[in-house]
């Protein structure tokens, strides 16, 4: 009987504990799990399709639970989506309009104070 099927891939014969040569004990092997990649891959199951202004669409994963790194990846993807949809440009235009209106209000207040003197 061949033991090549009983031994996980990646382990060498030299890495195994020596014992009874007629019957080897099972190798305690636990594969390495990357929590970030697992959380990212889990997000692929639940995704949301977003349509862009240029008639293209792409899907983004919906984040519900995971590690801090997975959350940062999710936030970066959300920022990318906002940029691609042009929402950040609208936000910057709105901030610029607010700053212009604040400057106009201050200018009017100064003229009112100067007129009262």
PDB file of N, CA and C in Angstrom:
ATOM      1  N   UNK A   1       0.840  -1.169   0.000  1.00  0.00           N
ATOM      2  CA  UNK A   1       0.000   0.000   0.000  1.00  0.00           C
ATOM      3  C   UNK A   1       0.891   1.240   0.000  1.00  0.00           C
ATOM      4  N   UNK A   2       0.534   2.190  -0.813  1.00  0.00           N
ATOM      5  CA  UNK A   2       1.328   3.400  -0.935  1.00  0.00           C
ATOM      6  C   UNK A   2       0.900   4.414   0.119  1.00  0.00           C
ATOM      7  N   UNK A   3       1.888   5.051   0.742  1.00  0.00           N
ATOM      8  CA  UNK A   3       1.591   6.071   1.757  1.00  0.00           C
ATOM      9  C   UNK A   3       1.555   7.462   1.157  1.00  0.00           C
ATOM     10  N   UNK A   4       1.763   7.569  -0.148  1.00  0.00           N
ATOM     11  CA  UNK A   4       1.774   8.899  -0.763  1.00  0.00           C
ATOM     12  C   UNK A   4       0.407   9.562  -0.704  1.00  0.00           C
ATOM     13  N   UNK A   5      -0.661   8.757  -0.680  1.00  0.00           N
ATOM     14  CA  UNK A   5      -1.998   9.335  -0.598  1.00  0.00           C
ATOM     15  C   UNK A   5      -2.352   9.732   0.829  1.00  0.00           C
ATOM     16  N   UNK A   6      -1.721   9.107   1.807  1.00  0.00           N
ATOM     17  CA  UNK A   6      -2.020   9.397   3.203  1.00  0.00           C
ATOM     18  C   UNK A   6      -1.308  10.651   3.694  1.00  0.00           C
ATOM     19  N   UNK A   7      -0.211  11.021   3.047  1.00  0.00           N
ATOM     20  CA  UNK A   7       0.573  12.174   3.478  1.00  0.00           C
ATOM     21  C   UNK A   7       0.122  13.396   2.681  1.00  0.00           C
ATOM     22  N   UNK A   8      -0.204  14.521   3.351  1.00  0.00           N
ATOM     23  CA  UNK A   8      -0.599  15.724   2.618  1.00  0.00           C
ATOM     24  C   UNK A   8       0.534  16.235   1.736  1.00  0.00           C
ATOM     25  N   UNK A   9       0.157  16.908   0.673  1.00  0.00           N
ATOM     26  CA  UNK A   9       1.155  17.468  -0.235  1.00  0.00           C
ATOM     27  C   UNK A   9       1.949  18.550   0.479  1.00  0.00           C
ATOM     28  N   UNK A  10       3.213  18.667   0.136  1.00  0.00           N
ATOM     29  CA  UNK A  10       4.046  19.693   0.724  1.00  0.00           C
ATOM     30  C   UNK A  10       4.905  19.190   1.875  1.00  0.00           C
ATOM     31  N   UNK A  11       4.564  18.035   2.463  1.00  0.00           N
ATOM     32  CA  UNK A  11       5.372  17.477   3.539  1.00  0.00           C
ATOM     33  C   UNK A  11       6.353  16.464   2.963  1.00  0.00           C
ATOM     34  N   UNK A  12       7.551  16.486   3.503  1.00  0.00           N
ATOM     35  CA  UNK A  12       8.571  15.539   3.063  1.00  0.00           C
ATOM     36  C   UNK A  12       8.683  14.420   4.092  1.00  0.00           C
ATOM     37  N   UNK A  13       9.241  13.349   3.658  1.00  0.00           N
ATOM     38  CA  UNK A  13       9.402  12.208   4.544  1.00  0.00           C
ATOM     39  C   UNK A  13      10.311  12.555   5.725  1.00  0.00           C
ATOM     40  N   UNK A  14      11.274  13.443   5.511  1.00  0.00           N
ATOM     41  CA  UNK A  14      12.196  13.819   6.573  1.00  0.00           C
ATOM     42  C   UNK A  14      11.508  14.665   7.644  1.00  0.00           C
ATOM     43  N   UNK A  15      10.405  15.322   7.298  1.00  0.00           N
ATOM     44  CA  UNK A  15       9.712  16.192   8.238  1.00  0.00           C
ATOM     45  C   UNK A  15       8.777  15.429   9.170  1.00  0.00           C
ATOM     46  N   UNK A  16       8.568  14.158   8.916  1.00  0.00           N
ATOM     47  CA  UNK A  16       7.661  13.340   9.719  1.00  0.00           C
ATOM     48  C   UNK A  16       8.390  12.797  10.941  1.00  0.00           C
ATOM     49  N   UNK A  17       7.635  12.589  12.029  1.00  0.00           N
ATOM     50  CA  UNK A  17       8.215  11.999  13.222  1.00  0.00           C
ATOM     51  C   UNK A  17       8.462  10.516  12.974  1.00  0.00           C
ATOM     52  N   UNK A  18       9.571  10.037  13.481  1.00  0.00           N
ATOM     53  CA  UNK A  18       9.907   8.622  13.315  1.00  0.00           C
ATOM     54  C   UNK A  18       9.327   7.840  14.479  1.00  0.00           C
ATOM     55  N   UNK A  19       8.803   6.714  14.203  1.00  0.00           N
ATOM     56  CA  UNK A  19       8.227   5.866  15.237  1.00  0.00           C
ATOM     57  C   UNK A  19       8.317   4.432  14.774  1.00  0.00           C
ATOM     58  N   UNK A  20       7.239   3.707  14.946  1.00  0.00           N
ATOM     59  CA  UNK A  20       7.182   2.340  14.484  1.00  0.00           C
ATOM     60  C   UNK A  20       7.254   2.354  12.959  1.00  0.00           C
ATOM     61  N   UNK A  21       8.249   1.704  12.414  1.00  0.00           N
ATOM     62  CA  UNK A  21       8.440   1.765  10.970  1.00  0.00           C
ATOM     63  C   UNK A  21       7.387   0.969  10.217  1.00  0.00           C
ATOM     64  N   UNK A  22       6.772   0.017  10.860  1.00  0.00           N
ATOM     65  CA  UNK A  22       5.754  -0.761  10.175  1.00  0.00           C
ATOM     66  C   UNK A  22       4.466   0.038  10.018  1.00  0.00           C
ATOM     67  N   UNK A  23       4.170   0.849  11.016  1.00  0.00           N
ATOM     68  CA  UNK A  23       2.942   1.650  10.951  1.00  0.00           C
ATOM     69  C   UNK A  23       3.264   3.051  11.444  1.00  0.00           C
ATOM     70  N   UNK A  24       3.183   4.008  10.551  1.00  0.00           N
ATOM     71  CA  UNK A  24       3.472   5.390  10.924  1.00  0.00           C
ATOM     72  C   UNK A  24       2.239   6.042  11.531  1.00  0.00           C
ATOM     73  N   UNK A  25       2.452   6.933  12.524  1.00  0.00           N
ATOM     74  CA  UNK A  25       1.304   7.649  13.091  1.00  0.00           C
ATOM     75  C   UNK A  25       0.839   8.715  12.100  1.00  0.00           C
ATOM     76  N   UNK A  26      -0.418   9.131  12.206  1.00  0.00           N
ATOM     77  CA  UNK A  26      -0.887  10.195  11.310  1.00  0.00           C
ATOM     78  C   UNK A  26      -0.140  11.493  11.584  1.00  0.00           C
ATOM     79  N   UNK A  27       0.080  12.241  10.544  1.00  0.00           N
ATOM     80  CA  UNK A  27       0.831  13.485  10.654  1.00  0.00           C
ATOM     81  C   UNK A  27      -0.117  14.595  11.086  1.00  0.00           C
ATOM     82  N   UNK A  28       0.173  15.277  12.206  1.00  0.00           N
ATOM     83  CA  UNK A  28      -0.676  16.407  12.605  1.00  0.00           C
ATOM     84  C   UNK A  28      -0.368  17.607  11.716  1.00  0.00           C
ATOM     85  N   UNK A  29      -1.160  17.803  10.703  1.00  0.00           N
ATOM     86  CA  UNK A  29      -0.929  18.887   9.743  1.00  0.00           C
ATOM     87  C   UNK A  29      -2.176  19.743   9.639  1.00  0.00           C
ATOM     88  N   UNK A  30      -2.015  21.022   9.888  1.00  0.00           N
ATOM     89  CA  UNK A  30      -3.118  21.965   9.765  1.00  0.00           C
ATOM     90  C   UNK A  30      -2.728  22.973   8.691  1.00  0.00           C
ATOM     91  N   UNK A  31      -3.506  23.073   7.628  1.00  0.00           N
ATOM     92  CA  UNK A  31      -3.144  24.038   6.585  1.00  0.00           C
ATOM     93  C   UNK A  31      -3.260  25.469   7.101  1.00  0.00           C
ATOM     94  N   UNK A  32      -2.395  26.334   6.596  1.00  0.00           N
ATOM     95  CA  UNK A  32      -2.389  27.734   7.006  1.00  0.00           C
ATOM     96  C   UNK A  32      -3.587  28.442   6.374  1.00  0.00           C
ATOM     97  N   UNK A  33      -4.352  29.158   7.191  1.00  0.00           N
ATOM     98  CA  UNK A  33      -5.536  29.868   6.712  1.00  0.00           C
ATOM     99  C   UNK A  33      -5.281  31.364   6.839  1.00  0.00           C
ATOM    100  N   UNK A  34      -5.429  32.068   5.742  1.00  0.00           N
ATOM    101  CA  UNK A  34      -5.286  33.514   5.754  1.00  0.00           C
ATOM    102  C   UNK A  34      -6.671  34.126   5.962  1.00  0.00           C
ATOM    103  N   UNK A  35      -6.873  34.768   7.108  1.00  0.00           N
ATOM    104  CA  UNK A  35      -8.193  35.287   7.451  1.00  0.00           C
ATOM    105  C   UNK A  35      -8.655  36.369   6.493  1.00  0.00           C
ATOM    106  N   UNK A  36      -7.711  37.193   6.023  1.00  0.00           N
ATOM    107  CA  UNK A  36      -8.080  38.284   5.119  1.00  0.00           C
ATOM    108  C   UNK A  36      -8.596  37.722   3.801  1.00  0.00           C
ATOM    109  N   UNK A  37      -7.851  36.787   3.226  1.00  0.00           N
ATOM    110  CA  UNK A  37      -8.270  36.220   1.946  1.00  0.00           C
ATOM    111  C   UNK A  37      -9.569  35.435   2.097  1.00  0.00           C
ATOM    112  N   UNK A  38      -9.724  34.775   3.223  1.00  0.00           N
ATOM    113  CA  UNK A  38     -10.958  34.031   3.454  1.00  0.00           C
ATOM    114  C   UNK A  38     -12.154  34.983   3.524  1.00  0.00           C
ATOM    115  N   UNK A  39     -11.975  36.116   4.206  1.00  0.00           N
ATOM    116  CA  UNK A  39     -13.056  37.095   4.302  1.00  0.00           C
ATOM    117  C   UNK A  39     -13.357  37.720   2.947  1.00  0.00           C
ATOM    118  N   UNK A  40     -12.303  37.983   2.164  1.00  0.00           N
ATOM    119  CA  UNK A  40     -12.505  38.562   0.840  1.00  0.00           C
ATOM    120  C   UNK A  40     -13.225  37.568  -0.064  1.00  0.00           C
ATOM    121  N   UNK A  41     -12.816  36.309  -0.016  1.00  0.00           N
ATOM    122  CA  UNK A  41     -13.457  35.289  -0.847  1.00  0.00           C
ATOM    123  C   UNK A  41     -14.888  35.037  -0.407  1.00  0.00           C
ATOM    124  N   UNK A  42     -15.154  35.157   0.893  1.00  0.00           N
ATOM    125  CA  UNK A  42     -16.522  34.993   1.386  1.00  0.00           C
ATOM    126  C   UNK A  42     -17.420  36.091   0.832  1.00  0.00           C
ATOM    127  N   UNK A  43     -16.842  37.297   0.672  1.00  0.00           N
ATOM    128  CA  UNK A  43     -17.618  38.408   0.157  1.00  0.00           C
ATOM    129  C   UNK A  43     -18.035  38.225  -1.283  1.00  0.00           C
ATOM    130  N   UNK A  44     -17.363  37.347  -2.011  1.00  0.00           N
ATOM    131  CA  UNK A  44     -17.714  37.124  -3.410  1.00  0.00           C
ATOM    132  C   UNK A  44     -19.051  36.401  -3.532  1.00  0.00           C
ATOM    133  N   UNK A  45     -19.446  35.698  -2.470  1.00  0.00           N
ATOM    134  CA  UNK A  45     -20.729  35.006  -2.501  1.00  0.00           C
ATOM    135  C   UNK A  45     -21.888  36.003  -2.529  1.00  0.00           C
ATOM    136  N   UNK A  46     -21.748  37.073  -1.767  1.00  0.00           N
ATOM    137  CA  UNK A  46     -22.787  38.085  -1.685  1.00  0.00           C
ATOM    138  C   UNK A  46     -22.244  39.363  -2.316  1.00  0.00           C
ATOM    139  N   UNK A  47     -22.714  39.669  -3.497  1.00  0.00           N
ATOM    140  CA  UNK A  47     -22.193  40.850  -4.177  1.00  0.00           C
ATOM    141  C   UNK A  47     -23.346  41.707  -4.687  1.00  0.00           C
ATOM    142  N   UNK A  48     -23.011  42.944  -5.008  1.00  0.00           N
ATOM    143  CA  UNK A  48     -23.983  43.915  -5.480  1.00  0.00           C
ATOM    144  C   UNK A  48     -23.482  44.472  -6.805  1.00  0.00           C
ATOM    145  N   UNK A  49     -24.330  44.479  -7.819  1.00  0.00           N
ATOM    146  CA  UNK A  49     -23.930  44.995  -9.122  1.00  0.00           C
ATOM    147  C   UNK A  49     -24.183  46.494  -9.179  1.00  0.00           C
ATOM    148  N   UNK A  50     -23.166  47.233  -9.639  1.00  0.00           N
ATOM    149  CA  UNK A  50     -23.252  48.686  -9.745  1.00  0.00           C
ATOM    150  C   UNK A  50     -23.095  49.073 -11.200  1.00  0.00           C
ATOM    151  N   UNK A  51     -24.008  49.922 -11.674  1.00  0.00           N
ATOM    152  CA  UNK A  51     -23.937  50.404 -13.052  1.00  0.00           C
ATOM    153  C   UNK A  51     -23.274  51.775 -13.068  1.00  0.00           C
ATOM    154  N   UNK A  52     -22.292  51.917 -13.942  1.00  0.00           N
ATOM    155  CA  UNK A  52     -21.565  53.177 -14.075  1.00  0.00           C
ATOM    156  C   UNK A  52     -22.211  54.044 -15.142  1.00  0.00           C
ATOM    157  N   UNK A  53     -21.891  55.354 -15.146  1.00  0.00           N
ATOM    158  CA  UNK A  53     -22.479  56.241 -16.152  1.00  0.00           C
ATOM    159  C   UNK A  53     -22.136  55.869 -17.599  1.00  0.00           C
ATOM    160  N   UNK A  54     -21.018  55.185 -17.817  1.00  0.00           N
ATOM    161  CA  UNK A  54     -20.652  54.820 -19.182  1.00  0.00           C
ATOM    162  C   UNK A  54     -21.224  53.456 -19.585  1.00  0.00           C
ATOM    163  N   UNK A  55     -22.332  53.057 -18.993  1.00  0.00           N
ATOM    164  CA  UNK A  55     -23.098  51.845 -19.316  1.00  0.00           C
ATOM    165  C   UNK A  55     -22.377  50.537 -19.000  1.00  0.00           C
ATOM    166  N   UNK A  56     -21.332  50.588 -18.207  1.00  0.00           N
ATOM    167  CA  UNK A  56     -20.696  49.352 -17.764  1.00  0.00           C
ATOM    168  C   UNK A  56     -21.158  49.045 -16.356  1.00  0.00           C
ATOM    169  N   UNK A  57     -21.011  47.799 -15.981  1.00  0.00           N
ATOM    170  CA  UNK A  57     -21.391  47.421 -14.624  1.00  0.00           C
ATOM    171  C   UNK A  57     -20.345  46.470 -14.049  1.00  0.00           C
ATOM    172  N   UNK A  58     -20.196  46.501 -12.748  1.00  0.00           N
ATOM    173  CA  UNK A  58     -19.299  45.584 -12.063  1.00  0.00           C
ATOM    174  C   UNK A  58     -19.896  45.268 -10.709  1.00  0.00           C
ATOM    175  N   UNK A  59     -19.446  44.184 -10.130  1.00  0.00           N
ATOM    176  CA  UNK A  59     -20.013  43.761  -8.853  1.00  0.00           C
ATOM    177  C   UNK A  59     -18.991  43.972  -7.734  1.00  0.00           C
ATOM    178  N   UNK A  60     -19.490  44.373  -6.594  1.00  0.00           N
ATOM    179  CA  UNK A  60     -18.662  44.571  -5.409  1.00  0.00           C
ATOM    180  C   UNK A  60     -19.227  43.689  -4.296  1.00  0.00           C
ATOM    181  N   UNK A  61     -18.350  43.135  -3.464  1.00  0.00           N
ATOM    182  CA  UNK A  61     -18.840  42.289  -2.376  1.00  0.00           C
ATOM    183  C   UNK A  61     -19.485  43.122  -1.271  1.00  0.00           C
ATOM    184  N   UNK A  62     -20.471  42.546  -0.639  1.00  0.00           N
ATOM    185  CA  UNK A  62     -21.134  43.188   0.496  1.00  0.00           C
ATOM    186  C   UNK A  62     -20.418  42.715   1.753  1.00  0.00           C
ATOM    187  N   UNK A  63     -19.908  43.664   2.528  1.00  0.00           N
ATOM    188  CA  UNK A  63     -19.140  43.320   3.722  1.00  0.00           C
ATOM    189  C   UNK A  63     -20.067  43.303   4.922  1.00  0.00           C
ATOM    190  N   UNK A  64     -20.071  42.187   5.654  1.00  0.00           N
ATOM    191  CA  UNK A  64     -20.888  42.126   6.860  1.00  0.00           C
ATOM    192  C   UNK A  64     -20.042  41.834   8.101  1.00  0.00           C
ATOM    193  N   UNK A  65     -19.121  40.908   8.018  1.00  0.00           N
ATOM    194  CA  UNK A  65     -18.229  40.626   9.136  1.00  0.00           C
ATOM    195  C   UNK A  65     -16.859  40.283   8.585  1.00  0.00           C
ATOM    196  N   UNK A  66     -15.867  40.367   9.444  1.00  0.00           N
ATOM    197  CA  UNK A  66     -14.522  40.010   9.020  1.00  0.00           C
ATOM    198  C   UNK A  66     -13.481  40.708   9.868  1.00  0.00           C
ATOM    199  N   UNK A  67     -12.269  40.635   9.409  1.00  0.00           N
ATOM    200  CA  UNK A  67     -11.162  41.232  10.143  1.00  0.00           C
ATOM    201  C   UNK A  67     -11.053  42.718   9.820  1.00  0.00           C
ATOM    202  N   UNK A  68     -10.179  43.387  10.531  1.00  0.00           N
ATOM    203  CA  UNK A  68      -9.965  44.812  10.292  1.00  0.00           C
ATOM    204  C   UNK A  68      -9.363  45.034   8.909  1.00  0.00           C
ATOM    205  N   UNK A  69      -8.491  44.139   8.490  1.00  0.00           N
ATOM    206  CA  UNK A  69      -7.883  44.265   7.170  1.00  0.00           C
ATOM    207  C   UNK A  69      -8.932  44.123   6.076  1.00  0.00           C
ATOM    208  N   UNK A  70      -9.869  43.181   6.266  1.00  0.00           N
ATOM    209  CA  UNK A  70     -10.931  42.991   5.280  1.00  0.00           C
ATOM    210  C   UNK A  70     -11.821  44.234   5.213  1.00  0.00           C
ATOM    211  N   UNK A  71     -12.043  44.878   6.360  1.00  0.00           N
ATOM    212  CA  UNK A  71     -12.844  46.097   6.364  1.00  0.00           C
ATOM    213  C   UNK A  71     -12.136  47.216   5.611  1.00  0.00           C
ATOM    214  N   UNK A  72     -10.819  47.337   5.791  1.00  0.00           N
ATOM    215  CA  UNK A  72     -10.064  48.359   5.055  1.00  0.00           C
ATOM    216  C   UNK A  72     -10.108  48.107   3.554  1.00  0.00           C
ATOM    217  N   UNK A  73     -10.043  46.838   3.158  1.00  0.00           N
ATOM    218  CA  UNK A  73     -10.165  46.504   1.736  1.00  0.00           C
ATOM    219  C   UNK A  73     -11.538  46.924   1.230  1.00  0.00           C
ATOM    220  N   UNK A  74     -12.560  46.677   2.034  1.00  0.00           N
ATOM    221  CA  UNK A  74     -13.924  47.053   1.651  1.00  0.00           C
ATOM    222  C   UNK A  74     -14.058  48.568   1.494  1.00  0.00           C
ATOM    223  N   UNK A  75     -13.462  49.328   2.417  1.00  0.00           N
ATOM    224  CA  UNK A  75     -13.536  50.793   2.347  1.00  0.00           C
ATOM    225  C   UNK A  75     -12.820  51.302   1.098  1.00  0.00           C
ATOM    226  N   UNK A  76     -11.668  50.712   0.781  1.00  0.00           N
ATOM    227  CA  UNK A  76     -10.946  51.113  -0.427  1.00  0.00           C
ATOM    228  C   UNK A  76     -11.766  50.828  -1.678  1.00  0.00           C
ATOM    229  N   UNK A  77     -12.460  49.700  -1.700  1.00  0.00           N
ATOM    230  CA  UNK A  77     -13.313  49.383  -2.844  1.00  0.00           C
ATOM    231  C   UNK A  77     -14.474  50.365  -2.939  1.00  0.00           C
ATOM    232  N   UNK A  78     -15.043  50.751  -1.802  1.00  0.00           N
ATOM    233  CA  UNK A  78     -16.150  51.702  -1.814  1.00  0.00           C
ATOM    234  C   UNK A  78     -15.696  53.068  -2.325  1.00  0.00           C
ATOM    235  N   UNK A  79     -14.504  53.505  -1.901  1.00  0.00           N
ATOM    236  CA  UNK A  79     -13.968  54.776  -2.405  1.00  0.00           C
ATOM    237  C   UNK A  79     -13.728  54.705  -3.903  1.00  0.00           C
ATOM    238  N   UNK A  80     -13.242  53.576  -4.370  1.00  0.00           N
ATOM    239  CA  UNK A  80     -13.010  53.398  -5.798  1.00  0.00           C
ATOM    240  C   UNK A  80     -14.316  53.479  -6.581  1.00  0.00           C
ATOM    241  N   UNK A  81     -15.364  52.875  -6.037  1.00  0.00           N
ATOM    242  CA  UNK A  81     -16.682  52.918  -6.697  1.00  0.00           C
ATOM    243  C   UNK A  81     -17.187  54.353  -6.765  1.00  0.00           C
ATOM    244  N   UNK A  82     -17.034  55.100  -5.678  1.00  0.00           N
ATOM    245  CA  UNK A  82     -17.487  56.496  -5.668  1.00  0.00           C
ATOM    246  C   UNK A  82     -16.739  57.322  -6.705  1.00  0.00           C
ATOM    247  N   UNK A  83     -15.436  57.077  -6.842  1.00  0.00           N
ATOM    248  CA  UNK A  83     -14.662  57.797  -7.854  1.00  0.00           C
ATOM    249  C   UNK A  83     -15.122  57.432  -9.251  1.00  0.00           C
ATOM    250  N   UNK A  84     -15.355  56.140  -9.474  1.00  0.00           N
ATOM    251  CA  UNK A  84     -15.747  55.689 -10.808  1.00  0.00           C
ATOM    252  C   UNK A  84     -17.134  56.198 -11.204  1.00  0.00           C
ATOM    253  N   UNK A  85     -18.005  56.356 -10.214  1.00  0.00           N
ATOM    254  CA  UNK A  85     -19.345  56.872 -10.518  1.00  0.00           C
ATOM    255  C   UNK A  85     -19.369  58.393 -10.615  1.00  0.00           C
ATOM    256  N   UNK A  86     -18.288  59.052 -10.242  1.00  0.00           N
ATOM    257  CA  UNK A  86     -18.231  60.503 -10.309  1.00  0.00           C
ATOM    258  C   UNK A  86     -18.857  61.196  -9.120  1.00  0.00           C
ATOM    259  N   UNK A  87     -19.086  60.485  -8.049  1.00  0.00           N
ATOM    260  CA  UNK A  87     -19.730  61.070  -6.880  1.00  0.00           C
ATOM    261  C   UNK A  87     -18.796  61.988  -6.112  1.00  0.00           C
ATOM    262  N   UNK A  88     -17.512  61.703  -6.118  1.00  0.00           N
ATOM    263  CA  UNK A  88     -16.570  62.560  -5.400  1.00  0.00           C
ATOM    264  C   UNK A  88     -16.458  63.922  -6.076  1.00  0.00           C
ATOM    265  N   UNK A  89     -16.592  63.972  -7.391  1.00  0.00           N
ATOM    266  CA  UNK A  89     -16.559  65.242  -8.114  1.00  0.00           C
ATOM    267  C   UNK A  89     -17.760  66.100  -7.705  1.00  0.00           C
ATOM    268  N   UNK A  90     -18.923  65.483  -7.607  1.00  0.00           N
ATOM    269  CA  UNK A  90     -20.113  66.207  -7.151  1.00  0.00           C
ATOM    270  C   UNK A  90     -19.915  66.736  -5.732  1.00  0.00           C
ATOM    271  N   UNK A  91     -19.320  65.936  -4.874  1.00  0.00           N
ATOM    272  CA  UNK A  91     -19.075  66.340  -3.494  1.00  0.00           C
ATOM    273  C   UNK A  91     -18.109  67.522  -3.447  1.00  0.00           C
ATOM    274  N   UNK A  92     -17.039  67.458  -4.230  1.00  0.00           N
ATOM    275  CA  UNK A  92     -16.069  68.552  -4.258  1.00  0.00           C
ATOM    276  C   UNK A  92     -16.709  69.826  -4.807  1.00  0.00           C
ATOM    277  N   UNK A  93     -17.568  69.702  -5.816  1.00  0.00           N
ATOM    278  CA  UNK A  93     -18.274  70.867  -6.349  1.00  0.00           C
ATOM    279  C   UNK A  93     -19.190  71.480  -5.289  1.00  0.00           C
ATOM    280  N   UNK A  94     -19.859  70.633  -4.516  1.00  0.00           N
ATOM    281  CA  UNK A  94     -20.748  71.125  -3.460  1.00  0.00           C
ATOM    282  C   UNK A  94     -19.947  71.841  -2.373  1.00  0.00           C
ATOM    283  N   UNK A  95     -18.799  71.285  -1.992  1.00  0.00           N
ATOM    284  CA  UNK A  95     -17.959  71.955  -0.994  1.00  0.00           C
ATOM    285  C   UNK A  95     -17.468  73.305  -1.499  1.00  0.00           C
ATOM    286  N   UNK A  96     -17.122  73.368  -2.766  1.00  0.00           N
ATOM    287  CA  UNK A  96     -16.669  74.632  -3.354  1.00  0.00           C
ATOM    288  C   UNK A  96     -17.795  75.661  -3.362  1.00  0.00           C
ATOM    289  N   UNK A  97     -19.004  75.234  -3.687  1.00  0.00           N
ATOM    290  CA  UNK A  97     -20.151  76.142  -3.682  1.00  0.00           C
ATOM    291  C   UNK A  97     -20.429  76.654  -2.270  1.00  0.00           C
ATOM    292  N   UNK A  98     -20.301  75.795  -1.267  1.00  0.00           N
ATOM    293  CA  UNK A  98     -20.514  76.211   0.117  1.00  0.00           C
ATOM    294  C   UNK A  98     -19.473  77.238   0.529  1.00  0.00           C
ATOM    295  N   UNK A  99     -18.214  77.000   0.177  1.00  0.00           N
ATOM    296  CA  UNK A  99     -17.175  77.954   0.552  1.00  0.00           C
ATOM    297  C   UNK A  99     -17.393  79.300  -0.144  1.00  0.00           C
ATOM    298  N   UNK A 100     -17.847  79.278  -1.403  1.00  0.00           N
ATOM    299  CA  UNK A 100     -18.137  80.542  -2.099  1.00  0.00           C
ATOM    300  C   UNK A 100     -19.284  81.281  -1.429  1.00  0.00           C
ATOM    301  N   UNK A 101     -20.336  80.556  -1.032  1.00  0.00           N
ATOM    302  CA  UNK A 101     -21.472  81.215  -0.389  1.00  0.00           C
ATOM    303  C   UNK A 101     -21.081  81.759   0.984  1.00  0.00           C
ATOM    304  N   UNK A 102     -20.206  81.044   1.707  1.00  0.00           N
ATOM    305  CA  UNK A 102     -19.729  81.556   2.999  1.00  0.00           C
ATOM    306  C   UNK A 102     -18.928  82.841   2.814  1.00  0.00           C
ATOM    307  N   UNK A 103     -18.080  82.885   1.797  1.00  0.00           N
ATOM    308  CA  UNK A 103     -17.313  84.104   1.510  1.00  0.00           C
ATOM    309  C   UNK A 103     -18.245  85.267   1.158  1.00  0.00           C
ATOM    310  N   UNK A 104     -19.289  84.995   0.381  1.00  0.00           N
ATOM    311  CA  UNK A 104     -20.254  86.045   0.029  1.00  0.00           C
ATOM    312  C   UNK A 104     -20.976  86.549   1.273  1.00  0.00           C
ATOM    313  N   UNK A 105     -21.332  85.621   2.165  1.00  0.00           N
ATOM    314  CA  UNK A 105     -22.028  86.018   3.393  1.00  0.00           C
ATOM    315  C   UNK A 105     -21.122  86.896   4.260  1.00  0.00           C
ATOM    316  N   UNK A 106     -19.860  86.531   4.376  1.00  0.00           N
ATOM    317  CA  UNK A 106     -18.916  87.341   5.156  1.00  0.00           C
ATOM    318  C   UNK A 106     -18.730  88.712   4.527  1.00  0.00           C
ATOM    319  N   UNK A 107     -18.660  88.749   3.214  1.00  0.00           N
ATOM    320  CA  UNK A 107     -18.509  90.029   2.518  1.00  0.00           C
ATOM    321  C   UNK A 107     -19.720  90.929   2.759  1.00  0.00           C
ATOM    322  N   UNK A 108     -20.920  90.349   2.704  1.00  0.00           N
ATOM    323  CA  UNK A 108     -22.133  91.125   2.962  1.00  0.00           C
ATOM    324  C   UNK A 108     -22.184  91.607   4.409  1.00  0.00           C
ATOM    325  N   UNK A 109     -21.754  90.783   5.346  1.00  0.00           N
ATOM    326  CA  UNK A 109     -21.737  91.193   6.744  1.00  0.00           C
ATOM    327  C   UNK A 109     -20.778  92.359   6.955  1.00  0.00           C
ATOM    328  N   UNK A 110     -19.628  92.333   6.277  1.00  0.00           N
ATOM    329  CA  UNK A 110     -18.666  93.443   6.385  1.00  0.00           C
ATOM    330  C   UNK A 110     -19.250  94.732   5.819  1.00  0.00           C
ATOM    331  N   UNK A 111     -19.966  94.637   4.692  1.00  0.00           N
ATOM    332  CA  UNK A 111     -20.562  95.854   4.115  1.00  0.00           C
ATOM    333  C   UNK A 111     -21.666  96.396   5.014  1.00  0.00           C
ATOM    334  N   UNK A 112     -22.412  95.494   5.682  1.00  0.00           N
ATOM    335  CA  UNK A 112     -23.461  95.944   6.594  1.00  0.00           C
ATOM    336  C   UNK A 112     -22.819  96.679   7.790  1.00  0.00           C
ATOM    337  N   UNK A 113     -21.755  96.116   8.327  1.00  0.00           N
ATOM    338  CA  UNK A 113     -21.072  96.750   9.476  1.00  0.00           C
ATOM    339  C   UNK A 113     -20.492  98.090   9.045  1.00  0.00           C
ATOM    340  N   UNK A 114     -19.911  98.180   7.872  1.00  0.00           N
ATOM    341  CA  UNK A 114     -19.341  99.435   7.385  1.00  0.00           C
ATOM    342  C   UNK A 114     -20.438 100.476   7.113  1.00  0.00           C
ATOM    343  N   UNK A 115     -21.609 100.036   6.650  1.00  0.00           N
ATOM    344  CA  UNK A 115     -22.713 100.979   6.369  1.00  0.00           C
ATOM    345  C   UNK A 115     -23.284 101.550   7.669  1.00  0.00           C
ATOM    346  N   UNK A 116     -23.293 100.754   8.755  1.00  0.00           N
ATOM    347  CA  UNK A 116     -23.827 101.230  10.033  1.00  0.00           C
ATOM    348  C   UNK A 116     -22.894 102.267  10.662  1.00  0.00           C
ATOM    349  N   UNK A 117     -21.614 102.207  10.369  1.00  0.00           N
ATOM    350  CA  UNK A 117     -20.670 103.169  10.946  1.00  0.00           C
ATOM    351  C   UNK A 117     -20.840 104.463  10.242  1.00  0.00           C
TER     352      UNK A 117
END
